[in-house]
Amino acid sequence: MVTIDLITPLEDCARDVIEIDLLRPRWMRNAACRGQGFDPWFPPTEIGEEADFARRVCSGCHVRPECLDYALAAGIRHGLWGGLSAKERAALARSRRQPATADAGRRYACGR
């Protein structure tokens, strides 16, 4: 007789969650926001209780730099990542792209 093991929907769902989790970068698996839900990190406005809560969690997170770098590299334009809003990340990205003007003058000075 052949027996067929049936997988319950709950077991199937748990397997999907585990597989998705394993595909995430390691820093995501170690982030302080893990298990906190999504709403605080994707609030309707950048100010308010939800955003403040998310920023507090981010401020104490040891993988905050990796989170911020991920959002900047991926060009994510929504939510709080690394404790910064989309507008704050855009300003940071612009400032990182601009060369330092004081250094540029020294770099091309010929023996002066």
C-alpha atoms as a PDB file:
ATOM      1  CA  MET A   1       0.000   0.000   0.000  1.00  0.00           C
ATOM      2  CA  VAL A   2       1.218   3.495  -0.878  1.00  0.00           C
ATOM      3  CA  THR A   3       0.778   6.246   1.660  1.00  0.00           C
ATOM      4  CA  ILE A   4       0.711   9.881   0.717  1.00  0.00           C
ATOM      5  CA  ASP A   5       1.692  12.455   3.260  1.00  0.00           C
ATOM      6  CA  LEU A   6      -0.615  15.390   2.967  1.00  0.00           C
ATOM      7  CA  ILE A   7       0.739  18.775   3.864  1.00  0.00           C
ATOM      8  CA  THR A   8      -1.675  20.968   5.707  1.00  0.00           C
ATOM      9  CA  PRO A   9      -2.045  24.565   4.535  1.00  0.00           C
ATOM     10  CA  LEU A  10      -0.431  25.729   7.786  1.00  0.00           C
ATOM     11  CA  GLU A  11       2.649  23.572   7.202  1.00  0.00           C
ATOM     12  CA  ASP A  12       2.846  24.795   3.612  1.00  0.00           C
ATOM     13  CA  CYS A  13       2.591  28.405   4.765  1.00  0.00           C
ATOM     14  CA  ALA A  14       5.281  27.885   7.417  1.00  0.00           C
ATOM     15  CA  ARG A  15       7.605  26.371   4.804  1.00  0.00           C
ATOM     16  CA  ASP A  16       7.059  29.383   2.517  1.00  0.00           C
ATOM     17  CA  VAL A  17       7.856  31.778   5.351  1.00  0.00           C
ATOM     18  CA  ILE A  18      11.048  29.896   6.197  1.00  0.00           C
ATOM     19  CA  GLU A  19      12.161  29.829   2.557  1.00  0.00           C
ATOM     20  CA  ILE A  20      11.448  33.535   2.113  1.00  0.00           C
ATOM     21  CA  ASP A  21      13.313  34.311   5.326  1.00  0.00           C
ATOM     22  CA  LEU A  22      16.359  32.368   4.165  1.00  0.00           C
ATOM     23  CA  LEU A  23      16.447  34.390   0.938  1.00  0.00           C
ATOM     24  CA  ARG A  24      16.717  37.662   2.843  1.00  0.00           C
ATOM     25  CA  PRO A  25      20.110  39.222   3.471  1.00  0.00           C
ATOM     26  CA  ARG A  26      21.575  38.240   6.844  1.00  0.00           C
ATOM     27  CA  TRP A  27      21.267  41.766   8.203  1.00  0.00           C
ATOM     28  CA  MET A  28      17.479  41.636   7.678  1.00  0.00           C
ATOM     29  CA  ARG A  29      17.271  38.500   9.766  1.00  0.00           C
ATOM     30  CA  ASN A  30      19.107  40.304  12.579  1.00  0.00           C
ATOM     31  CA  ALA A  31      17.275  43.639  12.382  1.00  0.00           C
ATOM     32  CA  ALA A  32      15.595  45.081  15.468  1.00  0.00           C
ATOM     33  CA  CYS A  33      12.402  45.649  13.459  1.00  0.00           C
ATOM     34  CA  ARG A  34      11.992  41.971  12.684  1.00  0.00           C
ATOM     35  CA  GLY A  35       8.654  40.750  13.947  1.00  0.00           C
ATOM     36  CA  GLN A  36       7.402  44.273  14.668  1.00  0.00           C
ATOM     37  CA  GLY A  37       4.983  44.408  11.724  1.00  0.00           C
ATOM     38  CA  PHE A  38       5.144  46.701   8.712  1.00  0.00           C
ATOM     39  CA  ASP A  39       2.882  49.633   9.567  1.00  0.00           C
ATOM     40  CA  PRO A  40       5.374  51.690  11.605  1.00  0.00           C
ATOM     41  CA  TRP A  41       7.950  51.516   8.800  1.00  0.00           C
ATOM     42  CA  PHE A  42       5.454  52.436   6.096  1.00  0.00           C
ATOM     43  CA  PRO A  43       3.375  55.146   7.794  1.00  0.00           C
ATOM     44  CA  PRO A  44       1.014  57.399   5.832  1.00  0.00           C
ATOM     45  CA  THR A  45       3.150  60.414   6.816  1.00  0.00           C
ATOM     46  CA  GLU A  46       6.771  60.831   7.855  1.00  0.00           C
ATOM     47  CA  ILE A  47       5.742  62.330  11.181  1.00  0.00           C
ATOM     48  CA  GLY A  48       3.522  60.873  13.852  1.00  0.00           C
ATOM     49  CA  GLU A  49       3.475  58.127  16.451  1.00  0.00           C
ATOM     50  CA  GLU A  50       4.088  55.238  14.041  1.00  0.00           C
ATOM     51  CA  ALA A  51       7.062  56.923  12.381  1.00  0.00           C
ATOM     52  CA  ASP A  52       8.455  57.957  15.776  1.00  0.00           C
ATOM     53  CA  PHE A  53       8.188  54.370  17.010  1.00  0.00           C
ATOM     54  CA  ALA A  54      10.007  53.081  13.920  1.00  0.00           C
ATOM     55  CA  ARG A  55      12.769  55.681  14.275  1.00  0.00           C
ATOM     56  CA  ARG A  56      13.284  54.710  17.935  1.00  0.00           C
ATOM     57  CA  VAL A  57      13.607  51.048  16.999  1.00  0.00           C
ATOM     58  CA  CYS A  58      16.010  51.923  14.170  1.00  0.00           C
ATOM     59  CA  SER A  59      18.136  54.157  16.401  1.00  0.00           C
ATOM     60  CA  GLY A  60      19.099  51.186  18.565  1.00  0.00           C
ATOM     61  CA  CYS A  61      19.496  48.659  15.758  1.00  0.00           C
ATOM     62  CA  HIS A  62      22.986  47.279  15.167  1.00  0.00           C
ATOM     63  CA  VAL A  63      22.318  46.646  11.445  1.00  0.00           C
ATOM     64  CA  ARG A  64      21.069  50.167  10.728  1.00  0.00           C
ATOM     65  CA  PRO A  65      23.977  51.037   8.362  1.00  0.00           C
ATOM     66  CA  GLU A  66      23.351  47.916   6.274  1.00  0.00           C
ATOM     67  CA  CYS A  67      19.625  48.704   6.122  1.00  0.00           C
ATOM     68  CA  LEU A  68      20.266  52.259   4.988  1.00  0.00           C
ATOM     69  CA  ASP A  69      22.847  51.168   2.398  1.00  0.00           C
ATOM     70  CA  TYR A  70      20.389  48.585   1.067  1.00  0.00           C
ATOM     71  CA  ALA A  71      17.645  51.181   0.629  1.00  0.00           C
ATOM     72  CA  LEU A  72      20.012  53.639  -1.047  1.00  0.00           C
ATOM     73  CA  ALA A  73      21.489  51.024  -3.400  1.00  0.00           C
ATOM     74  CA  ALA A  74      18.052  49.700  -4.348  1.00  0.00           C
ATOM     75  CA  GLY A  75      16.578  53.174  -4.773  1.00  0.00           C
ATOM     76  CA  ILE A  76      13.690  52.408  -2.432  1.00  0.00           C
ATOM     77  CA  ARG A  77      11.370  55.406  -2.396  1.00  0.00           C
ATOM     78  CA  HIS A  78       8.893  54.364   0.289  1.00  0.00           C
ATOM     79  CA  GLY A  79       9.026  53.755   3.997  1.00  0.00           C
ATOM     80  CA  LEU A  80      11.575  54.244   6.728  1.00  0.00           C
ATOM     81  CA  TRP A  81      14.830  52.392   6.154  1.00  0.00           C
ATOM     82  CA  GLY A  82      17.813  52.795   8.440  1.00  0.00           C
ATOM     83  CA  GLY A  83      15.731  55.292  10.384  1.00  0.00           C
ATOM     84  CA  LEU A  84      15.454  57.696   7.444  1.00  0.00           C
ATOM     85  CA  SER A  85      12.418  58.615   5.371  1.00  0.00           C
ATOM     86  CA  ALA A  86      12.408  58.576   1.582  1.00  0.00           C
ATOM     87  CA  LYS A  87      13.055  62.344   1.489  1.00  0.00           C
ATOM     88  CA  GLU A  88      15.928  62.052   3.964  1.00  0.00           C
ATOM     89  CA  ARG A  89      17.474  59.180   1.987  1.00  0.00           C
ATOM     90  CA  ALA A  90      17.186  61.165  -1.254  1.00  0.00           C
ATOM     91  CA  ALA A  91      18.985  64.118   0.346  1.00  0.00           C
ATOM     92  CA  LEU A  92      21.683  61.791   1.702  1.00  0.00           C
ATOM     93  CA  ALA A  93      22.144  60.174  -1.710  1.00  0.00           C
ATOM     94  CA  ARG A  94      22.516  63.606  -3.343  1.00  0.00           C
ATOM     95  CA  SER A  95      25.083  64.692  -0.772  1.00  0.00           C
ATOM     96  CA  ARG A  96      27.086  61.496  -1.308  1.00  0.00           C
ATOM     97  CA  ARG A  97      27.167  62.077  -5.079  1.00  0.00           C
ATOM     98  CA  GLN A  98      28.424  65.665  -4.843  1.00  0.00           C
ATOM     99  CA  PRO A  99      32.219  65.969  -4.782  1.00  0.00           C
ATOM    100  CA  ALA A 100      33.713  68.019  -1.987  1.00  0.00           C
ATOM    101  CA  THR A 101      34.495  71.421  -3.530  1.00  0.00           C
ATOM    102  CA  ALA A 102      37.311  72.237  -1.086  1.00  0.00           C
ATOM    103  CA  ASP A 103      39.156  69.029  -1.956  1.00  0.00           C
ATOM    104  CA  ALA A 104      38.679  69.561  -5.692  1.00  0.00           C
ATOM    105  CA  GLY A 105      40.637  72.825  -5.580  1.00  0.00           C
ATOM    106  CA  ARG A 106      43.580  71.223  -3.773  1.00  0.00           C
ATOM    107  CA  ARG A 107      43.605  68.225  -6.035  1.00  0.00           C
ATOM    108  CA  TYR A 108      44.332  70.284  -9.148  1.00  0.00           C
ATOM    109  CA  ALA A 109      46.666  72.890  -7.628  1.00  0.00           C
ATOM    110  CA  CYS A 110      50.105  72.695  -9.210  1.00  0.00           C
ATOM    111  CA  GLY A 111      52.661  73.117  -6.453  1.00  0.00           C
ATOM    112  CA  ARG A 112      50.925  76.018  -4.769  1.00  0.00           C
END
